[in-house]
Amino acid sequence: MKLKPVSMNVFAEAQEEAHVVLARVMASLAPGEHVMRLGVDMEGQARPLSATLPLTVEGTGGPDDLVGAESKLFDNFAFLLSCGLAQTLCCGVMYLRSPSTEPNGPATVQAWQLLWGTLNECSAAEAAELIGDGAQAAFVDAPGLHSDDDGDAEAVYPPVAYTVL
């Protein structure tokens, strides 16, 4: 695989944004076992790259809950997300599968689509279409995750950030 070069500054910003995204997801989780998956397809690669991040939340659903993730899996996930955010010629899907809040209810799934270096939240219908009909889950609308989200912001970086040096 040969990726289009990006400046170290652009990649550093993408790494920072990836960590913000992961922190926002982790801070929103209810107690239980959750799984995040990420698939990124970059120009010139034969098949998509993927990463899985199991997350365990222990607590009562308050701000002091303990969120656990294996550091190697967290680092791999954050790195792949950083690559996707830094590369403009990529696409992919990140989704979160969470346990039901109802006894014997289906798991819930939220999804975000990665296009042109931007991670955008998906509606429940879009998530169902992206993940597929075989998923036994209740799809829900995903929240915005970027540090600059103010309700209508979509881009992670201004277009000038994509200039190759």
C-alpha atoms as a PDB file:
ATOM      1  CA  MET A   1       0.000   0.000   0.000  1.00  0.00           C
ATOM      2  CA  LYS A   2       1.291   3.431  -0.891  1.00  0.00           C
ATOM      3  CA  LEU A   3      -0.402   6.385   0.754  1.00  0.00           C
ATOM      4  CA  LYS A   4      -0.332   9.900  -0.591  1.00  0.00           C
ATOM      5  CA  PRO A   5       2.152  11.885   1.530  1.00  0.00           C
ATOM      6  CA  VAL A   6       0.814  14.431   3.998  1.00  0.00           C
ATOM      7  CA  SER A   7       2.747  16.884   6.107  1.00  0.00           C
ATOM      8  CA  MET A   8       3.635  15.952   9.671  1.00  0.00           C
ATOM      9  CA  ASN A   9       1.521  18.901  10.845  1.00  0.00           C
ATOM     10  CA  VAL A  10      -1.573  17.530   9.069  1.00  0.00           C
ATOM     11  CA  PHE A  11      -0.972  14.071  10.513  1.00  0.00           C
ATOM     12  CA  ALA A  12      -0.421  15.491  14.008  1.00  0.00           C
ATOM     13  CA  GLU A  13      -3.751  17.362  13.731  1.00  0.00           C
ATOM     14  CA  ALA A  14      -5.433  14.156  12.530  1.00  0.00           C
ATOM     15  CA  GLN A  15      -3.989  12.230  15.504  1.00  0.00           C
ATOM     16  CA  GLU A  16      -5.256  14.876  17.903  1.00  0.00           C
ATOM     17  CA  GLU A  17      -8.707  14.790  16.295  1.00  0.00           C
ATOM     18  CA  ALA A  18      -8.784  10.966  16.418  1.00  0.00           C
ATOM     19  CA  HIS A  19      -8.106  11.065  20.155  1.00  0.00           C
ATOM     20  CA  VAL A  20     -10.831  13.704  20.648  1.00  0.00           C
ATOM     21  CA  VAL A  21     -13.289  11.523  18.707  1.00  0.00           C
ATOM     22  CA  LEU A  22     -12.421   8.442  20.779  1.00  0.00           C
ATOM     23  CA  ALA A  23     -12.632  10.380  24.041  1.00  0.00           C
ATOM     24  CA  ARG A  24     -16.095  11.681  23.112  1.00  0.00           C
ATOM     25  CA  VAL A  25     -17.320   8.197  22.242  1.00  0.00           C
ATOM     26  CA  MET A  26     -15.899   6.705  25.425  1.00  0.00           C
ATOM     27  CA  ALA A  27     -17.361   9.475  27.592  1.00  0.00           C
ATOM     28  CA  SER A  28     -20.848   8.806  26.214  1.00  0.00           C
ATOM     29  CA  LEU A  29     -20.944   5.069  26.927  1.00  0.00           C
ATOM     30  CA  ALA A  30     -23.293   3.463  29.428  1.00  0.00           C
ATOM     31  CA  PRO A  31     -22.043   0.600  31.622  1.00  0.00           C
ATOM     32  CA  GLY A  32     -21.501  -2.669  29.741  1.00  0.00           C
ATOM     33  CA  GLU A  33     -19.469  -4.237  26.942  1.00  0.00           C
ATOM     34  CA  HIS A  34     -19.195  -2.159  23.765  1.00  0.00           C
ATOM     35  CA  VAL A  35     -17.315  -2.750  20.500  1.00  0.00           C
ATOM     36  CA  MET A  36     -16.087  -0.123  18.051  1.00  0.00           C
ATOM     37  CA  ARG A  37     -15.124  -1.166  14.544  1.00  0.00           C
ATOM     38  CA  LEU A  38     -13.422   0.871  11.850  1.00  0.00           C
ATOM     39  CA  GLY A  39     -12.874   0.030   8.197  1.00  0.00           C
ATOM     40  CA  VAL A  40     -10.850   2.364   5.989  1.00  0.00           C
ATOM     41  CA  ASP A  41     -10.367   1.965   2.246  1.00  0.00           C
ATOM     42  CA  MET A  42      -7.561   4.118   0.861  1.00  0.00           C
ATOM     43  CA  GLU A  43      -6.699   4.732  -2.752  1.00  0.00           C
ATOM     44  CA  GLY A  44      -4.382   2.090  -4.154  1.00  0.00           C
ATOM     45  CA  GLN A  45      -4.910  -0.613  -1.539  1.00  0.00           C
ATOM     46  CA  ALA A  46      -6.318  -4.013  -2.455  1.00  0.00           C
ATOM     47  CA  ARG A  47      -8.744  -4.276   0.478  1.00  0.00           C
ATOM     48  CA  PRO A  48      -9.879  -2.108   3.381  1.00  0.00           C
ATOM     49  CA  LEU A  49      -7.875  -1.909   6.587  1.00  0.00           C
ATOM     50  CA  SER A  50      -9.822  -2.553   9.757  1.00  0.00           C
ATOM     51  CA  ALA A  51      -9.494  -2.208  13.498  1.00  0.00           C
ATOM     52  CA  THR A  52     -11.631  -3.371  16.402  1.00  0.00           C
ATOM     53  CA  LEU A  53     -11.713  -1.808  19.842  1.00  0.00           C
ATOM     54  CA  PRO A  54     -13.587  -3.609  22.641  1.00  0.00           C
ATOM     55  CA  LEU A  55     -14.558  -1.209  25.444  1.00  0.00           C
ATOM     56  CA  THR A  56     -15.741  -2.125  28.920  1.00  0.00           C
ATOM     57  CA  VAL A  57     -17.537   0.428  31.074  1.00  0.00           C
ATOM     58  CA  GLU A  58     -17.872  -0.250  34.784  1.00  0.00           C
ATOM     59  CA  GLY A  59     -19.971   1.987  36.981  1.00  0.00           C
ATOM     60  CA  THR A  60     -23.448   3.311  37.476  1.00  0.00           C
ATOM     61  CA  GLY A  61     -23.779   5.459  34.371  1.00  0.00           C
ATOM     62  CA  GLY A  62     -22.256   8.555  35.974  1.00  0.00           C
ATOM     63  CA  PRO A  63     -19.238  10.718  35.122  1.00  0.00           C
ATOM     64  CA  ASP A  64     -16.968   8.616  37.375  1.00  0.00           C
ATOM     65  CA  ASP A  65     -17.464   5.399  35.382  1.00  0.00           C
ATOM     66  CA  LEU A  66     -14.299   3.501  34.478  1.00  0.00           C
ATOM     67  CA  VAL A  67     -13.817   2.874  30.740  1.00  0.00           C
ATOM     68  CA  GLY A  68     -11.369   0.105  29.926  1.00  0.00           C
ATOM     69  CA  ALA A  69      -9.620  -0.587  26.623  1.00  0.00           C
ATOM     70  CA  GLU A  70      -6.538  -2.662  25.851  1.00  0.00           C
ATOM     71  CA  SER A  71      -3.815  -0.110  25.070  1.00  0.00           C
ATOM     72  CA  LYS A  72      -2.456  -1.916  21.984  1.00  0.00           C
ATOM     73  CA  LEU A  73      -5.934  -2.147  20.440  1.00  0.00           C
ATOM     74  CA  PHE A  74      -6.664   1.482  21.361  1.00  0.00           C
ATOM     75  CA  ASP A  75      -3.392   2.635  19.750  1.00  0.00           C
ATOM     76  CA  ASN A  76      -4.081   0.622  16.562  1.00  0.00           C
ATOM     77  CA  PHE A  77      -7.612   1.988  16.304  1.00  0.00           C
ATOM     78  CA  ALA A  78      -6.478   5.577  16.920  1.00  0.00           C
ATOM     79  CA  PHE A  79      -3.683   5.215  14.344  1.00  0.00           C
ATOM     80  CA  LEU A  80      -6.015   3.889  11.628  1.00  0.00           C
ATOM     81  CA  LEU A  81      -8.547   6.632  12.379  1.00  0.00           C
ATOM     82  CA  SER A  82      -5.720   9.209  12.197  1.00  0.00           C
ATOM     83  CA  CYS A  83      -4.669   7.867   8.790  1.00  0.00           C
ATOM     84  CA  GLY A  84      -8.248   8.094   7.529  1.00  0.00           C
ATOM     85  CA  LEU A  85      -8.651  11.650   8.791  1.00  0.00           C
ATOM     86  CA  ALA A  86      -5.305  12.750   7.306  1.00  0.00           C
ATOM     87  CA  GLN A  87      -5.840  11.161   3.864  1.00  0.00           C
ATOM     88  CA  THR A  88      -8.314  12.836   1.537  1.00  0.00           C
ATOM     89  CA  LEU A  89      -8.538   9.875  -0.860  1.00  0.00           C
ATOM     90  CA  CYS A  90     -10.155   7.436   1.515  1.00  0.00           C
ATOM     91  CA  CYS A  91     -13.534   6.252   2.647  1.00  0.00           C
ATOM     92  CA  GLY A  92     -14.795   4.064   5.435  1.00  0.00           C
ATOM     93  CA  VAL A  93     -17.163   3.424   8.281  1.00  0.00           C
ATOM     94  CA  MET A  94     -16.727   3.584  12.042  1.00  0.00           C
ATOM     95  CA  TYR A  95     -19.458   2.077  14.146  1.00  0.00           C
ATOM     96  CA  LEU A  96     -20.221   1.403  17.776  1.00  0.00           C
ATOM     97  CA  ARG A  97     -22.187  -1.621  18.971  1.00  0.00           C
ATOM     98  CA  SER A  98     -23.548  -1.209  22.503  1.00  0.00           C
ATOM     99  CA  PRO A  99     -25.617  -3.486  24.731  1.00  0.00           C
ATOM    100  CA  SER A 100     -29.332  -2.853  25.001  1.00  0.00           C
ATOM    101  CA  THR A 101     -30.613  -0.818  27.895  1.00  0.00           C
ATOM    102  CA  GLU A 102     -33.700  -3.066  27.927  1.00  0.00           C
ATOM    103  CA  PRO A 103     -33.573  -6.632  29.270  1.00  0.00           C
ATOM    104  CA  ASN A 104     -33.349  -9.063  26.321  1.00  0.00           C
ATOM    105  CA  GLY A 105     -33.446  -6.133  23.876  1.00  0.00           C
ATOM    106  CA  PRO A 106     -31.268  -5.934  20.763  1.00  0.00           C
ATOM    107  CA  ALA A 107     -27.886  -4.240  20.822  1.00  0.00           C
ATOM    108  CA  THR A 108     -27.799  -0.688  19.478  1.00  0.00           C
ATOM    109  CA  VAL A 109     -25.557   0.469  16.649  1.00  0.00           C
ATOM    110  CA  GLN A 110     -24.421   3.994  15.791  1.00  0.00           C
ATOM    111  CA  ALA A 111     -22.288   4.715  12.720  1.00  0.00           C
ATOM    112  CA  TRP A 112     -20.106   7.460  11.296  1.00  0.00           C
ATOM    113  CA  GLN A 113     -19.014   7.608   7.662  1.00  0.00           C
ATOM    114  CA  LEU A 114     -15.478   8.586   6.723  1.00  0.00           C
ATOM    115  CA  LEU A 115     -15.297  10.419   3.391  1.00  0.00           C
ATOM    116  CA  TRP A 116     -12.568  12.718   2.106  1.00  0.00           C
ATOM    117  CA  GLY A 117     -10.853  12.894   5.491  1.00  0.00           C
ATOM    118  CA  THR A 118     -14.071  13.823   7.313  1.00  0.00           C
ATOM    119  CA  LEU A 119     -15.993  11.710   9.816  1.00  0.00           C
ATOM    120  CA  ASN A 120     -19.736  12.463   9.641  1.00  0.00           C
ATOM    121  CA  GLU A 121     -22.484  11.056  11.837  1.00  0.00           C
ATOM    122  CA  CYS A 122     -25.073   8.800  10.202  1.00  0.00           C
ATOM    123  CA  SER A 123     -28.795   8.646  10.774  1.00  0.00           C
ATOM    124  CA  ALA A 124     -30.264   5.329  11.892  1.00  0.00           C
ATOM    125  CA  ALA A 125     -31.342   4.590   8.301  1.00  0.00           C
ATOM    126  CA  GLU A 126     -27.892   5.392   6.892  1.00  0.00           C
ATOM    127  CA  ALA A 127     -26.250   3.210   9.560  1.00  0.00           C
ATOM    128  CA  ALA A 128     -28.531   0.285   8.711  1.00  0.00           C
ATOM    129  CA  GLU A 129     -27.645   0.670   5.032  1.00  0.00           C
ATOM    130  CA  LEU A 130     -23.880   0.887   5.688  1.00  0.00           C
ATOM    131  CA  ILE A 131     -23.671  -1.963   8.215  1.00  0.00           C
ATOM    132  CA  GLY A 132     -26.059  -4.270   6.401  1.00  0.00           C
ATOM    133  CA  ASP A 133     -29.295  -6.091   6.975  1.00  0.00           C
ATOM    134  CA  GLY A 134     -27.591  -9.080   8.632  1.00  0.00           C
ATOM    135  CA  ALA A 135     -26.817  -7.080  11.780  1.00  0.00           C
ATOM    136  CA  GLN A 136     -29.207  -8.047  14.573  1.00  0.00           C
ATOM    137  CA  ALA A 137     -29.387  -4.624  16.176  1.00  0.00           C
ATOM    138  CA  ALA A 138     -31.437  -1.499  16.643  1.00  0.00           C
ATOM    139  CA  PHE A 139     -29.827   1.304  14.655  1.00  0.00           C
ATOM    140  CA  VAL A 140     -29.855   4.766  16.216  1.00  0.00           C
ATOM    141  CA  ASP A 141     -28.786   8.226  15.066  1.00  0.00           C
ATOM    142  CA  ALA A 142     -25.131   8.930  15.839  1.00  0.00           C
ATOM    143  CA  PRO A 143     -24.019  12.163  17.531  1.00  0.00           C
ATOM    144  CA  GLY A 144     -21.385  14.518  16.135  1.00  0.00           C
ATOM    145  CA  LEU A 145     -17.921  13.727  17.495  1.00  0.00           C
ATOM    146  CA  HIS A 146     -15.495  16.347  16.235  1.00  0.00           C
ATOM    147  CA  SER A 147     -13.964  18.926  18.509  1.00  0.00           C
ATOM    148  CA  ASP A 148     -15.218  21.709  16.263  1.00  0.00           C
ATOM    149  CA  ASP A 149     -18.813  20.392  15.999  1.00  0.00           C
ATOM    150  CA  ASP A 150     -21.227  23.204  16.608  1.00  0.00           C
ATOM    151  CA  GLY A 151     -24.308  21.674  15.092  1.00  0.00           C
ATOM    152  CA  ASP A 152     -23.642  22.340  11.425  1.00  0.00           C
ATOM    153  CA  ALA A 153     -19.876  21.932  11.013  1.00  0.00           C
ATOM    154  CA  GLU A 154     -18.835  18.971   8.876  1.00  0.00           C
ATOM    155  CA  ALA A 155     -15.184  19.342   7.923  1.00  0.00           C
ATOM    156  CA  VAL A 156     -12.390  18.330  10.244  1.00  0.00           C
ATOM    157  CA  TYR A 157      -9.912  20.735   8.664  1.00  0.00           C
ATOM    158  CA  PRO A 158     -10.163  23.674   6.265  1.00  0.00           C
ATOM    159  CA  PRO A 159      -9.361  22.749   2.621  1.00  0.00           C
ATOM    160  CA  VAL A 160      -5.914  24.361   2.882  1.00  0.00           C
ATOM    161  CA  ALA A 161      -4.897  21.621   5.339  1.00  0.00           C
ATOM    162  CA  TYR A 162      -5.027  19.085   2.516  1.00  0.00           C
ATOM    163  CA  THR A 163      -2.204  20.738   0.586  1.00  0.00           C
ATOM    164  CA  VAL A 164       0.583  18.211   0.040  1.00  0.00           C
ATOM    165  CA  LEU A 165       4.038  19.494   0.857  1.00  0.00           C
END
